[in-house]
């Protein structure tokens, strides 16, 4: 009888082993995703703030450029549809690109002054 019981326990261990490994992997993933567990642990608050500020500025500059292109293209497209022409979209797209670059240059100068 003890042999059957041991064999049953071995089968249960073998049967639950993949589930136990899965549970352990899930616990490990939960530990990695905890809010307190951050890759920036070794960084001071000032360094984190500076990185965030730089990232925000980079996002602002890229948005300025893209917005200029989209606004110029949209105005040209709308005027083309209204007037029945086909060339204003190109002209306003180029103007939007130029305006976007001017905004990027202006923003870069302001950052340089600070």
Protein backbone atom coordinates (compact mmCIF):
# COMPACT_ATOMS: atom_id res chain seq x y z
CA UNK A 1 0.00 0.00 0.00
CA UNK A 2 2.74 2.42 0.81
CA UNK A 3 4.18 1.84 -2.66
CA UNK A 4 0.86 2.82 -4.26
CA UNK A 5 0.66 5.91 -2.06
CA UNK A 6 4.19 6.96 -2.95
CA UNK A 7 3.52 6.31 -6.60
CA UNK A 8 0.37 8.42 -6.37
CA UNK A 9 2.33 11.24 -4.76
CA UNK A 10 4.96 11.02 -7.47
CA UNK A 11 2.26 11.21 -10.10
CA UNK A 12 0.66 14.19 -8.36
CA UNK A 13 4.02 15.94 -8.15
CA UNK A 14 4.64 15.26 -11.82
CA UNK A 15 1.09 16.34 -12.68
CA UNK A 16 1.33 19.60 -10.71
CA UNK A 17 4.89 20.45 -11.67
CA UNK A 18 4.04 22.38 -14.86
CA UNK A 19 1.34 24.29 -12.95
CA UNK A 20 3.82 25.10 -10.18
CA UNK A 21 6.34 26.36 -12.72
CA UNK A 22 3.62 28.45 -14.33
CA UNK A 23 2.63 29.92 -10.97
CA UNK A 24 6.26 30.73 -10.18
CA UNK A 25 6.69 32.44 -13.54
CA UNK A 26 3.50 34.42 -12.89
CA UNK A 27 4.80 35.53 -9.47
CA UNK A 28 8.10 36.57 -11.05
CA UNK A 29 6.28 38.59 -13.70
CA UNK A 30 4.15 40.28 -11.03
CA UNK A 31 7.31 41.23 -9.12
CA UNK A 32 8.77 42.77 -12.29
CA UNK A 33 5.60 44.74 -12.96
CA UNK A 34 5.22 46.16 -9.46
CA UNK A 35 5.19 49.98 -9.49
CA UNK A 36 8.03 50.23 -7.00
CA UNK A 37 10.26 48.06 -9.16
CA UNK A 38 11.57 50.55 -11.69
CA UNK A 39 14.58 50.47 -13.99
CA UNK A 40 15.42 53.97 -12.79
CA UNK A 41 16.15 52.81 -9.23
CA UNK A 42 19.75 54.07 -9.28
CA UNK A 43 18.74 57.50 -10.55
CA UNK A 44 17.97 60.48 -8.38
CA UNK A 45 14.72 62.40 -8.68
CA UNK A 46 16.59 65.27 -10.35
CA UNK A 47 17.99 62.97 -13.04
CA UNK A 48 14.57 61.44 -13.68
CA UNK A 49 13.05 64.93 -13.92
CA UNK A 50 15.76 66.09 -16.34
CA UNK A 51 15.25 63.06 -18.57
CA UNK A 52 11.52 63.61 -18.58
CA UNK A 53 12.00 67.27 -19.44
CA UNK A 54 14.32 66.47 -22.33
CA UNK A 55 11.91 63.84 -23.63
CA UNK A 56 9.05 66.33 -23.40
CA UNK A 57 11.02 68.92 -25.35
CA UNK A 58 11.90 66.39 -28.05
CA UNK A 59 8.24 65.40 -28.32
CA UNK A 60 7.24 69.06 -28.57
CA UNK A 61 9.70 69.74 -31.38
CA UNK A 62 8.62 66.70 -33.38
CA UNK A 63 4.97 67.63 -32.89
CA UNK A 64 5.64 71.17 -34.13
CA UNK A 65 7.11 69.82 -37.35
CA UNK A 66 4.39 67.24 -37.99
CA UNK A 67 1.61 69.70 -37.16
CA UNK A 68 2.95 72.24 -39.64
CA UNK A 69 3.00 69.66 -42.42
CA UNK A 70 -0.51 68.39 -41.65
CA UNK A 71 -2.07 71.84 -41.29
CA UNK A 72 -0.48 73.07 -44.53
CA UNK A 73 -1.53 69.93 -46.39
CA UNK A 74 -5.07 70.11 -45.06
CA UNK A 75 -5.49 73.78 -45.99
CA UNK A 76 -4.18 73.08 -49.49
CA UNK A 77 -6.46 70.06 -49.89
CA UNK A 78 -9.51 72.01 -48.67
CA UNK A 79 -8.78 74.92 -51.01
CA UNK A 80 -8.26 72.51 -53.93
CA UNK A 81 -11.64 70.89 -53.32
CA UNK A 82 -13.37 74.24 -52.89
CA UNK A 83 -11.80 75.88 -55.95
CA UNK A 84 -11.60 72.74 -58.11
CA UNK A 85 -7.83 72.97 -58.55
CA UNK A 86 -5.07 70.40 -58.05
CA UNK A 87 -1.92 72.36 -57.24
CA UNK A 88 -2.68 74.21 -54.00
CA UNK A 89 -2.15 71.11 -51.90
CA UNK A 90 1.49 70.97 -53.05
CA UNK A 91 2.05 74.69 -52.42
CA UNK A 92 0.49 74.63 -48.96
CA UNK A 93 2.24 71.38 -48.10
CA UNK A 94 5.59 73.04 -48.86
CA UNK A 95 4.53 76.09 -46.83
CA UNK A 96 3.56 73.78 -43.95
CA UNK A 97 6.96 72.07 -44.10
CA UNK A 98 8.69 75.47 -44.05
CA UNK A 99 6.54 76.63 -41.13
CA UNK A 100 7.29 73.40 -39.26
CA UNK A 101 11.03 73.85 -39.72
CA UNK A 102 10.83 77.47 -38.60
CA UNK A 103 8.96 76.40 -35.47
CA UNK A 104 11.59 73.74 -34.76
CA UNK A 105 14.41 76.28 -35.19
CA UNK A 106 12.60 78.78 -32.97
CA UNK A 107 12.02 76.18 -30.25
CA UNK A 108 15.65 75.02 -30.43
CA UNK A 109 16.88 78.60 -30.02
CA UNK A 110 14.63 79.08 -27.00
CA UNK A 111 16.03 75.92 -25.43
CA UNK A 112 19.57 77.09 -26.15
CA UNK A 113 18.95 80.41 -24.42
CA UNK A 114 17.67 78.70 -21.29
